[in-house]
């Protein structure tokens, strides 16, 4: 696997491979009670946005500090209709 992010489709879910010269990890995203509403091809985006939204909504200073330590910031954005997204 090359350095960077690679999304791989598997039966029943997706894998997000993440690697650089200092870190290497694999994130599995599978259907769950909170992701039933989203089609399989968008499951990874749905799950990650939902997770990060709920994590940030905890307003836990430990989570905030950990995210800042790693330079990770999340902001929810308004939904875009399919017609607007195609233009």
PDB file of N, CA and C in Angstrom:
ATOM      1  N   UNK A   1       0.836  -1.181   0.000  1.00  0.00           N
ATOM      2  CA  UNK A   1       0.000   0.000   0.000  1.00  0.00           C
ATOM      3  C   UNK A   1       0.883   1.248   0.000  1.00  0.00           C
ATOM      4  N   UNK A   2       0.500   2.196  -0.793  1.00  0.00           N
ATOM      5  CA  UNK A   2       1.224   3.472  -0.841  1.00  0.00           C
ATOM      6  C   UNK A   2       0.836   4.337   0.358  1.00  0.00           C
ATOM      7  N   UNK A   3       1.651   5.316   0.647  1.00  0.00           N
ATOM      8  CA  UNK A   3       1.326   6.246   1.721  1.00  0.00           C
ATOM      9  C   UNK A   3       0.069   7.033   1.363  1.00  0.00           C
ATOM     10  N   UNK A   4      -0.692   7.394   2.381  1.00  0.00           N
ATOM     11  CA  UNK A   4      -1.900   8.183   2.172  1.00  0.00           C
ATOM     12  C   UNK A   4      -3.130   7.433   2.645  1.00  0.00           C
ATOM     13  N   UNK A   5      -4.271   7.768   2.044  1.00  0.00           N
ATOM     14  CA  UNK A   5      -5.550   7.144   2.368  1.00  0.00           C
ATOM     15  C   UNK A   5      -6.035   6.337   1.174  1.00  0.00           C
ATOM     16  N   UNK A   6      -6.453   5.113   1.425  1.00  0.00           N
ATOM     17  CA  UNK A   6      -7.001   4.260   0.380  1.00  0.00           C
ATOM     18  C   UNK A   6      -8.304   3.669   0.892  1.00  0.00           C
ATOM     19  N   UNK A   7      -9.383   3.827   0.125  1.00  0.00           N
ATOM     20  CA  UNK A   7     -10.677   3.255   0.497  1.00  0.00           C
ATOM     21  C   UNK A   7     -10.873   1.988  -0.323  1.00  0.00           C
ATOM     22  N   UNK A   8     -11.155   0.887   0.363  1.00  0.00           N
ATOM     23  CA  UNK A   8     -11.374  -0.394  -0.306  1.00  0.00           C
ATOM     24  C   UNK A   8     -12.755  -0.930   0.047  1.00  0.00           C
ATOM     25  N   UNK A   9     -13.474  -1.345  -0.975  1.00  0.00           N
ATOM     26  CA  UNK A   9     -14.794  -1.949  -0.811  1.00  0.00           C
ATOM     27  C   UNK A   9     -14.615  -3.427  -0.502  1.00  0.00           C
ATOM     28  N   UNK A  10     -15.381  -3.910   0.435  1.00  0.00           N
ATOM     29  CA  UNK A  10     -15.359  -5.325   0.786  1.00  0.00           C
ATOM     30  C   UNK A  10     -16.801  -5.762   0.948  1.00  0.00           C
ATOM     31  N   UNK A  11     -17.051  -7.039   0.968  1.00  0.00           N
ATOM     32  CA  UNK A  11     -18.410  -7.503   1.196  1.00  0.00           C
ATOM     33  C   UNK A  11     -18.840  -7.099   2.592  1.00  0.00           C
ATOM     34  N   UNK A  12     -19.906  -6.334   2.678  1.00  0.00           N
ATOM     35  CA  UNK A  12     -20.432  -5.934   3.963  1.00  0.00           C
ATOM     36  C   UNK A  12     -19.885  -4.654   4.537  1.00  0.00           C
ATOM     37  N   UNK A  13     -18.942  -3.993   3.856  1.00  0.00           N
ATOM     38  CA  UNK A  13     -18.416  -2.751   4.401  1.00  0.00           C
ATOM     39  C   UNK A  13     -17.268  -2.197   3.594  1.00  0.00           C
ATOM     40  N   UNK A  14     -16.573  -1.261   4.192  1.00  0.00           N
ATOM     41  CA  UNK A  14     -15.423  -0.635   3.546  1.00  0.00           C
ATOM     42  C   UNK A  14     -14.274  -0.591   4.537  1.00  0.00           C
ATOM     43  N   UNK A  15     -13.069  -0.540   3.986  1.00  0.00           N
ATOM     44  CA  UNK A  15     -11.868  -0.386   4.802  1.00  0.00           C
ATOM     45  C   UNK A  15     -11.172   0.888   4.362  1.00  0.00           C
ATOM     46  N   UNK A  16     -10.734   1.651   5.335  1.00  0.00           N
ATOM     47  CA  UNK A  16      -9.969   2.853   5.060  1.00  0.00           C
ATOM     48  C   UNK A  16      -8.548   2.582   5.534  1.00  0.00           C
ATOM     49  N   UNK A  17      -7.651   2.411   4.569  1.00  0.00           N
ATOM     50  CA  UNK A  17      -6.245   2.164   4.879  1.00  0.00           C
ATOM     51  C   UNK A  17      -5.549   3.514   4.989  1.00  0.00           C
ATOM     52  N   UNK A  18      -4.815   3.710   6.081  1.00  0.00           N
ATOM     53  CA  UNK A  18      -4.150   4.988   6.343  1.00  0.00           C
ATOM     54  C   UNK A  18      -2.698   4.702   6.700  1.00  0.00           C
ATOM     55  N   UNK A  19      -1.780   5.306   5.948  1.00  0.00           N
ATOM     56  CA  UNK A  19      -0.376   5.000   6.211  1.00  0.00           C
ATOM     57  C   UNK A  19       0.526   6.161   5.808  1.00  0.00           C
ATOM     58  N   UNK A  20       1.524   6.398   6.649  1.00  0.00           N
ATOM     59  CA  UNK A  20       2.633   7.287   6.315  1.00  0.00           C
ATOM     60  C   UNK A  20       3.895   6.583   6.817  1.00  0.00           C
ATOM     61  N   UNK A  21       5.024   7.245   6.750  1.00  0.00           N
ATOM     62  CA  UNK A  21       6.255   6.591   7.198  1.00  0.00           C
ATOM     63  C   UNK A  21       6.318   6.417   8.712  1.00  0.00           C
ATOM     64  N   UNK A  22       5.387   7.061   9.463  1.00  0.00           N
ATOM     65  CA  UNK A  22       5.424   7.008  10.922  1.00  0.00           C
ATOM     66  C   UNK A  22       4.245   6.274  11.557  1.00  0.00           C
ATOM     67  N   UNK A  23       3.164   6.114  10.825  1.00  0.00           N
ATOM     68  CA  UNK A  23       1.941   5.500  11.354  1.00  0.00           C
ATOM     69  C   UNK A  23       1.326   4.603  10.280  1.00  0.00           C
ATOM     70  N   UNK A  24       0.603   3.575  10.719  1.00  0.00           N
ATOM     71  CA  UNK A  24      -0.087   2.685   9.794  1.00  0.00           C
ATOM     72  C   UNK A  24      -1.318   2.149  10.506  1.00  0.00           C
ATOM     73  N   UNK A  25      -2.501   2.326   9.909  1.00  0.00           N
ATOM     74  CA  UNK A  25      -3.725   1.858  10.544  1.00  0.00           C
ATOM     75  C   UNK A  25      -4.780   1.479   9.521  1.00  0.00           C
ATOM     76  N   UNK A  26      -5.766   0.745   9.988  1.00  0.00           N
ATOM     77  CA  UNK A  26      -6.854   0.278   9.142  1.00  0.00           C
ATOM     78  C   UNK A  26      -8.158   0.516   9.887  1.00  0.00           C
ATOM     79  N   UNK A  27      -9.073   1.250   9.261  1.00  0.00           N
ATOM     80  CA  UNK A  27     -10.364   1.561   9.855  1.00  0.00           C
ATOM     81  C   UNK A  27     -11.429   0.777   9.095  1.00  0.00           C
ATOM     82  N   UNK A  28     -12.194  -0.045   9.821  1.00  0.00           N
ATOM     83  CA  UNK A  28     -13.272  -0.818   9.213  1.00  0.00           C
ATOM     84  C   UNK A  28     -14.583  -0.080   9.406  1.00  0.00           C
ATOM     85  N   UNK A  29     -15.384   0.026   8.358  1.00  0.00           N
ATOM     86  CA  UNK A  29     -16.699   0.656   8.451  1.00  0.00           C
ATOM     87  C   UNK A  29     -17.703  -0.347   7.897  1.00  0.00           C
ATOM     88  N   UNK A  30     -18.611  -0.784   8.764  1.00  0.00           N
ATOM     89  CA  UNK A  30     -19.599  -1.799   8.400  1.00  0.00           C
ATOM     90  C   UNK A  30     -20.994  -1.276   8.717  1.00  0.00           C
ATOM     91  N   UNK A  31     -22.032  -1.837   8.103  1.00  0.00           N
ATOM     92  CA  UNK A  31     -23.399  -1.404   8.393  1.00  0.00           C
ATOM     93  C   UNK A  31     -23.702  -1.524   9.889  1.00  0.00           C
ATOM     94  N   UNK A  32     -24.487  -0.563  10.403  1.00  0.00           N
ATOM     95  CA  UNK A  32     -24.844  -0.555  11.817  1.00  0.00           C
ATOM     96  C   UNK A  32     -26.224   0.057  11.983  1.00  0.00           C
ATOM     97  N   UNK A  33     -26.683   0.106  13.228  1.00  0.00           N
ATOM     98  CA  UNK A  33     -28.016   0.655  13.495  1.00  0.00           C
ATOM     99  C   UNK A  33     -28.144   2.110  13.070  1.00  0.00           C
ATOM    100  N   UNK A  34     -27.063   2.868  13.077  1.00  0.00           N
ATOM    101  CA  UNK A  34     -27.126   4.286  12.712  1.00  0.00           C
ATOM    102  C   UNK A  34     -26.885   4.531  11.230  1.00  0.00           C
ATOM    103  N   UNK A  35     -26.510   3.514  10.469  1.00  0.00           N
ATOM    104  CA  UNK A  35     -26.183   3.738   9.060  1.00  0.00           C
ATOM    105  C   UNK A  35     -27.153   3.072   8.091  1.00  0.00           C
ATOM    106  N   UNK A  36     -28.230   2.509   8.574  1.00  0.00           N
ATOM    107  CA  UNK A  36     -29.165   1.793   7.697  1.00  0.00           C
ATOM    108  C   UNK A  36     -29.776   2.703   6.634  1.00  0.00           C
ATOM    109  N   UNK A  37     -29.872   3.983   6.902  1.00  0.00           N
ATOM    110  CA  UNK A  37     -30.549   4.922   6.013  1.00  0.00           C
ATOM    111  C   UNK A  37     -29.731   5.239   4.756  1.00  0.00           C
ATOM    112  N   UNK A  38     -28.439   4.991   4.786  1.00  0.00           N
ATOM    113  CA  UNK A  38     -27.553   5.401   3.699  1.00  0.00           C
ATOM    114  C   UNK A  38     -27.252   4.229   2.764  1.00  0.00           C
ATOM    115  N   UNK A  39     -27.178   4.486   1.446  1.00  0.00           N
ATOM    116  CA  UNK A  39     -26.813   3.411   0.519  1.00  0.00           C
ATOM    117  C   UNK A  39     -25.387   2.914   0.759  1.00  0.00           C
ATOM    118  N   UNK A  40     -25.137   1.682   0.437  1.00  0.00           N
ATOM    119  CA  UNK A  40     -23.845   1.028   0.674  1.00  0.00           C
ATOM    120  C   UNK A  40     -22.662   1.828   0.132  1.00  0.00           C
ATOM    121  N   UNK A  41     -22.820   2.446  -1.043  1.00  0.00           N
ATOM    122  CA  UNK A  41     -21.680   3.153  -1.637  1.00  0.00           C
ATOM    123  C   UNK A  41     -21.283   4.417  -0.875  1.00  0.00           C
ATOM    124  N   UNK A  42     -22.172   4.918  -0.017  1.00  0.00           N
ATOM    125  CA  UNK A  42     -21.856   6.117   0.767  1.00  0.00           C
ATOM    126  C   UNK A  42     -21.739   5.820   2.252  1.00  0.00           C
ATOM    127  N   UNK A  43     -21.755   4.558   2.618  1.00  0.00           N
ATOM    128  CA  UNK A  43     -21.731   4.139   4.026  1.00  0.00           C
ATOM    129  C   UNK A  43     -20.548   4.731   4.787  1.00  0.00           C
ATOM    130  N   UNK A  44     -19.375   4.736   4.184  1.00  0.00           N
ATOM    131  CA  UNK A  44     -18.186   5.239   4.875  1.00  0.00           C
ATOM    132  C   UNK A  44     -18.306   6.729   5.202  1.00  0.00           C
ATOM    133  N   UNK A  45     -18.804   7.526   4.267  1.00  0.00           N
ATOM    134  CA  UNK A  45     -18.968   8.953   4.517  1.00  0.00           C
ATOM    135  C   UNK A  45     -20.025   9.193   5.597  1.00  0.00           C
ATOM    136  N   UNK A  46     -21.129   8.473   5.503  1.00  0.00           N
ATOM    137  CA  UNK A  46     -22.220   8.610   6.473  1.00  0.00           C
ATOM    138  C   UNK A  46     -21.735   8.273   7.883  1.00  0.00           C
ATOM    139  N   UNK A  47     -21.041   7.159   8.005  1.00  0.00           N
ATOM    140  CA  UNK A  47     -20.581   6.706   9.318  1.00  0.00           C
ATOM    141  C   UNK A  47     -19.540   7.655   9.911  1.00  0.00           C
ATOM    142  N   UNK A  48     -18.595   8.100   9.106  1.00  0.00           N
ATOM    143  CA  UNK A  48     -17.547   8.977   9.630  1.00  0.00           C
ATOM    144  C   UNK A  48     -18.089  10.352  10.021  1.00  0.00           C
ATOM    145  N   UNK A  49     -18.951  10.933   9.199  1.00  0.00           N
ATOM    146  CA  UNK A  49     -19.535  12.228   9.544  1.00  0.00           C
ATOM    147  C   UNK A  49     -20.398  12.098  10.793  1.00  0.00           C
ATOM    148  N   UNK A  50     -21.222  11.062  10.858  1.00  0.00           N
ATOM    149  CA  UNK A  50     -22.067  10.861  12.033  1.00  0.00           C
ATOM    150  C   UNK A  50     -21.247  10.662  13.295  1.00  0.00           C
ATOM    151  N   UNK A  51     -20.208   9.848  13.206  1.00  0.00           N
ATOM    152  CA  UNK A  51     -19.344   9.606  14.365  1.00  0.00           C
ATOM    153  C   UNK A  51     -18.666  10.888  14.831  1.00  0.00           C
ATOM    154  N   UNK A  52     -18.062  11.612  13.896  1.00  0.00           N
ATOM    155  CA  UNK A  52     -17.356  12.836  14.266  1.00  0.00           C
ATOM    156  C   UNK A  52     -18.314  13.890  14.818  1.00  0.00           C
ATOM    157  N   UNK A  53     -19.500  13.986  14.240  1.00  0.00           N
ATOM    158  CA  UNK A  53     -20.495  14.934  14.755  1.00  0.00           C
ATOM    159  C   UNK A  53     -20.847  14.601  16.205  1.00  0.00           C
ATOM    160  N   UNK A  54     -21.136  13.336  16.475  1.00  0.00           N
ATOM    161  CA  UNK A  54     -21.487  12.950  17.838  1.00  0.00           C
ATOM    162  C   UNK A  54     -20.302  13.095  18.794  1.00  0.00           C
ATOM    163  N   UNK A  55     -19.113  12.805  18.328  1.00  0.00           N
ATOM    164  CA  UNK A  55     -17.917  12.950  19.163  1.00  0.00           C
ATOM    165  C   UNK A  55     -17.711  14.412  19.563  1.00  0.00           C
ATOM    166  N   UNK A  56     -17.809  15.315  18.589  1.00  0.00           N
ATOM    167  CA  UNK A  56     -17.640  16.738  18.868  1.00  0.00           C
ATOM    168  C   UNK A  56     -18.787  17.252  19.747  1.00  0.00           C
ATOM    169  N   UNK A  57     -20.003  16.760  19.522  1.00  0.00           N
ATOM    170  CA  UNK A  57     -21.167  17.181  20.310  1.00  0.00           C
ATOM    171  C   UNK A  57     -21.065  16.788  21.783  1.00  0.00           C
ATOM    172  N   UNK A  58     -20.172  15.855  22.121  1.00  0.00           N
ATOM    173  CA  UNK A  58     -19.969  15.489  23.524  1.00  0.00           C
ATOM    174  C   UNK A  58     -19.410  16.660  24.328  1.00  0.00           C
ATOM    175  N   UNK A  59     -18.756  17.583  23.623  1.00  0.00           N
ATOM    176  CA  UNK A  59     -18.141  18.757  24.253  1.00  0.00           C
ATOM    177  C   UNK A  59     -17.227  18.361  25.423  1.00  0.00           C
ATOM    178  N   UNK A  60     -16.518  17.269  25.221  1.00  0.00           N
ATOM    179  CA  UNK A  60     -15.573  16.754  26.207  1.00  0.00           C
ATOM    180  C   UNK A  60     -14.217  17.412  25.947  1.00  0.00           C
ATOM    181  N   UNK A  61     -13.671  18.062  26.943  1.00  0.00           N
ATOM    182  CA  UNK A  61     -12.392  18.753  26.788  1.00  0.00           C
ATOM    183  C   UNK A  61     -11.262  17.788  26.415  1.00  0.00           C
ATOM    184  N   UNK A  62     -11.353  16.535  26.859  1.00  0.00           N
ATOM    185  CA  UNK A  62     -10.316  15.542  26.501  1.00  0.00           C
ATOM    186  C   UNK A  62     -10.360  15.249  25.011  1.00  0.00           C
ATOM    187  N   UNK A  63     -11.556  15.121  24.454  1.00  0.00           N
ATOM    188  CA  UNK A  63     -11.707  14.876  23.017  1.00  0.00           C
ATOM    189  C   UNK A  63     -11.203  16.089  22.241  1.00  0.00           C
ATOM    190  N   UNK A  64     -11.597  17.282  22.681  1.00  0.00           N
ATOM    191  CA  UNK A  64     -11.176  18.515  22.027  1.00  0.00           C
ATOM    192  C   UNK A  64      -9.645  18.631  22.024  1.00  0.00           C
ATOM    193  N   UNK A  65      -9.022  18.348  23.163  1.00  0.00           N
ATOM    194  CA  UNK A  65      -7.562  18.434  23.267  1.00  0.00           C
ATOM    195  C   UNK A  65      -6.874  17.384  22.401  1.00  0.00           C
ATOM    196  N   UNK A  66      -7.415  16.187  22.375  1.00  0.00           N
ATOM    197  CA  UNK A  66      -6.832  15.122  21.562  1.00  0.00           C
ATOM    198  C   UNK A  66      -6.923  15.448  20.073  1.00  0.00           C
ATOM    199  N   UNK A  67      -8.080  15.948  19.653  1.00  0.00           N
ATOM    200  CA  UNK A  67      -8.231  16.329  18.248  1.00  0.00           C
ATOM    201  C   UNK A  67      -7.263  17.456  17.890  1.00  0.00           C
ATOM    202  N   UNK A  68      -7.126  18.445  18.787  1.00  0.00           N
ATOM    203  CA  UNK A  68      -6.201  19.553  18.527  1.00  0.00           C
ATOM    204  C   UNK A  68      -4.758  19.057  18.471  1.00  0.00           C
ATOM    205  N   UNK A  69      -4.428  18.113  19.349  1.00  0.00           N
ATOM    206  CA  UNK A  69      -3.063  17.545  19.356  1.00  0.00           C
ATOM    207  C   UNK A  69      -2.697  16.965  17.992  1.00  0.00           C
ATOM    208  N   UNK A  70      -3.667  16.327  17.336  1.00  0.00           N
ATOM    209  CA  UNK A  70      -3.425  15.688  16.050  1.00  0.00           C
ATOM    210  C   UNK A  70      -3.815  16.579  14.868  1.00  0.00           C
ATOM    211  N   UNK A  71      -4.271  17.800  15.152  1.00  0.00           N
ATOM    212  CA  UNK A  71      -4.628  18.711  14.062  1.00  0.00           C
ATOM    213  C   UNK A  71      -5.876  18.271  13.322  1.00  0.00           C
ATOM    214  N   UNK A  72      -6.826  17.687  14.045  1.00  0.00           N
ATOM    215  CA  UNK A  72      -8.076  17.221  13.438  1.00  0.00           C
ATOM    216  C   UNK A  72      -9.210  18.111  13.929  1.00  0.00           C
ATOM    217  N   UNK A  73      -9.897  18.724  13.002  1.00  0.00           N
ATOM    218  CA  UNK A  73     -11.026  19.594  13.320  1.00  0.00           C
ATOM    219  C   UNK A  73     -12.195  19.169  12.456  1.00  0.00           C
ATOM    220  N   UNK A  74     -13.387  19.215  13.010  1.00  0.00           N
ATOM    221  CA  UNK A  74     -14.579  18.788  12.283  1.00  0.00           C
ATOM    222  C   UNK A  74     -15.647  19.856  12.390  1.00  0.00           C
ATOM    223  N   UNK A  75     -16.281  20.139  11.271  1.00  0.00           N
ATOM    224  CA  UNK A  75     -17.395  21.080  11.235  1.00  0.00           C
ATOM    225  C   UNK A  75     -18.480  20.472  10.351  1.00  0.00           C
ATOM    226  N   UNK A  76     -19.673  20.354  10.902  1.00  0.00           N
ATOM    227  CA  UNK A  76     -20.802  19.858  10.114  1.00  0.00           C
ATOM    228  C   UNK A  76     -21.215  20.939   9.117  1.00  0.00           C
ATOM    229  N   UNK A  77     -21.585  20.509   7.913  1.00  0.00           N
ATOM    230  CA  UNK A  77     -22.009  21.450   6.879  1.00  0.00           C
ATOM    231  C   UNK A  77     -23.450  21.164   6.478  1.00  0.00           C
ATOM    232  N   UNK A  78     -24.140  22.154   5.895  1.00  0.00           N
ATOM    233  CA  UNK A  78     -25.513  21.929   5.454  1.00  0.00           C
ATOM    234  C   UNK A  78     -25.558  20.870   4.357  1.00  0.00           C
ATOM    235  N   UNK A  79     -26.645  20.138   4.315  1.00  0.00           N
ATOM    236  CA  UNK A  79     -26.833  19.148   3.266  1.00  0.00           C
ATOM    237  C   UNK A  79     -27.062  19.835   1.929  1.00  0.00           C
ATOM    238  N   UNK A  80     -26.572  19.215   0.878  1.00  0.00           N
ATOM    239  CA  UNK A  80     -26.741  19.727  -0.478  1.00  0.00           C
ATOM    240  C   UNK A  80     -27.669  18.765  -1.208  1.00  0.00           C
ATOM    241  N   UNK A  81     -28.665  19.290  -1.889  1.00  0.00           N
ATOM    242  CA  UNK A  81     -29.558  18.407  -2.648  1.00  0.00           C
ATOM    243  C   UNK A  81     -28.789  17.813  -3.820  1.00  0.00           C
ATOM    244  N   UNK A  82     -29.241  16.675  -4.305  1.00  0.00           N
ATOM    245  CA  UNK A  82     -28.569  15.998  -5.419  1.00  0.00           C
ATOM    246  C   UNK A  82     -28.501  16.920  -6.644  1.00  0.00           C
ATOM    247  N   UNK A  83     -29.551  17.689  -6.912  1.00  0.00           N
ATOM    248  CA  UNK A  83     -29.569  18.595  -8.066  1.00  0.00           C
ATOM    249  C   UNK A  83     -28.492  19.658  -7.919  1.00  0.00           C
ATOM    250  N   UNK A  84     -28.311  20.214  -6.718  1.00  0.00           N
ATOM    251  CA  UNK A  84     -27.279  21.230  -6.498  1.00  0.00           C
ATOM    252  C   UNK A  84     -25.901  20.627  -6.602  1.00  0.00           C
ATOM    253  N   UNK A  85     -25.731  19.401  -6.135  1.00  0.00           N
ATOM    254  CA  UNK A  85     -24.430  18.738  -6.155  1.00  0.00           C
ATOM    255  C   UNK A  85     -23.960  18.391  -7.541  1.00  0.00           C
ATOM    256  N   UNK A  86     -24.889  18.275  -8.511  1.00  0.00           N
ATOM    257  CA  UNK A  86     -24.533  17.915  -9.877  1.00  0.00           C
ATOM    258  C   UNK A  86     -24.046  19.094 -10.693  1.00  0.00           C
ATOM    259  N   UNK A  87     -24.311  20.313 -10.236  1.00  0.00           N
ATOM    260  CA  UNK A  87     -23.941  21.490 -11.038  1.00  0.00           C
ATOM    261  C   UNK A  87     -22.504  21.896 -10.841  1.00  0.00           C
TER     262      UNK A  87
END
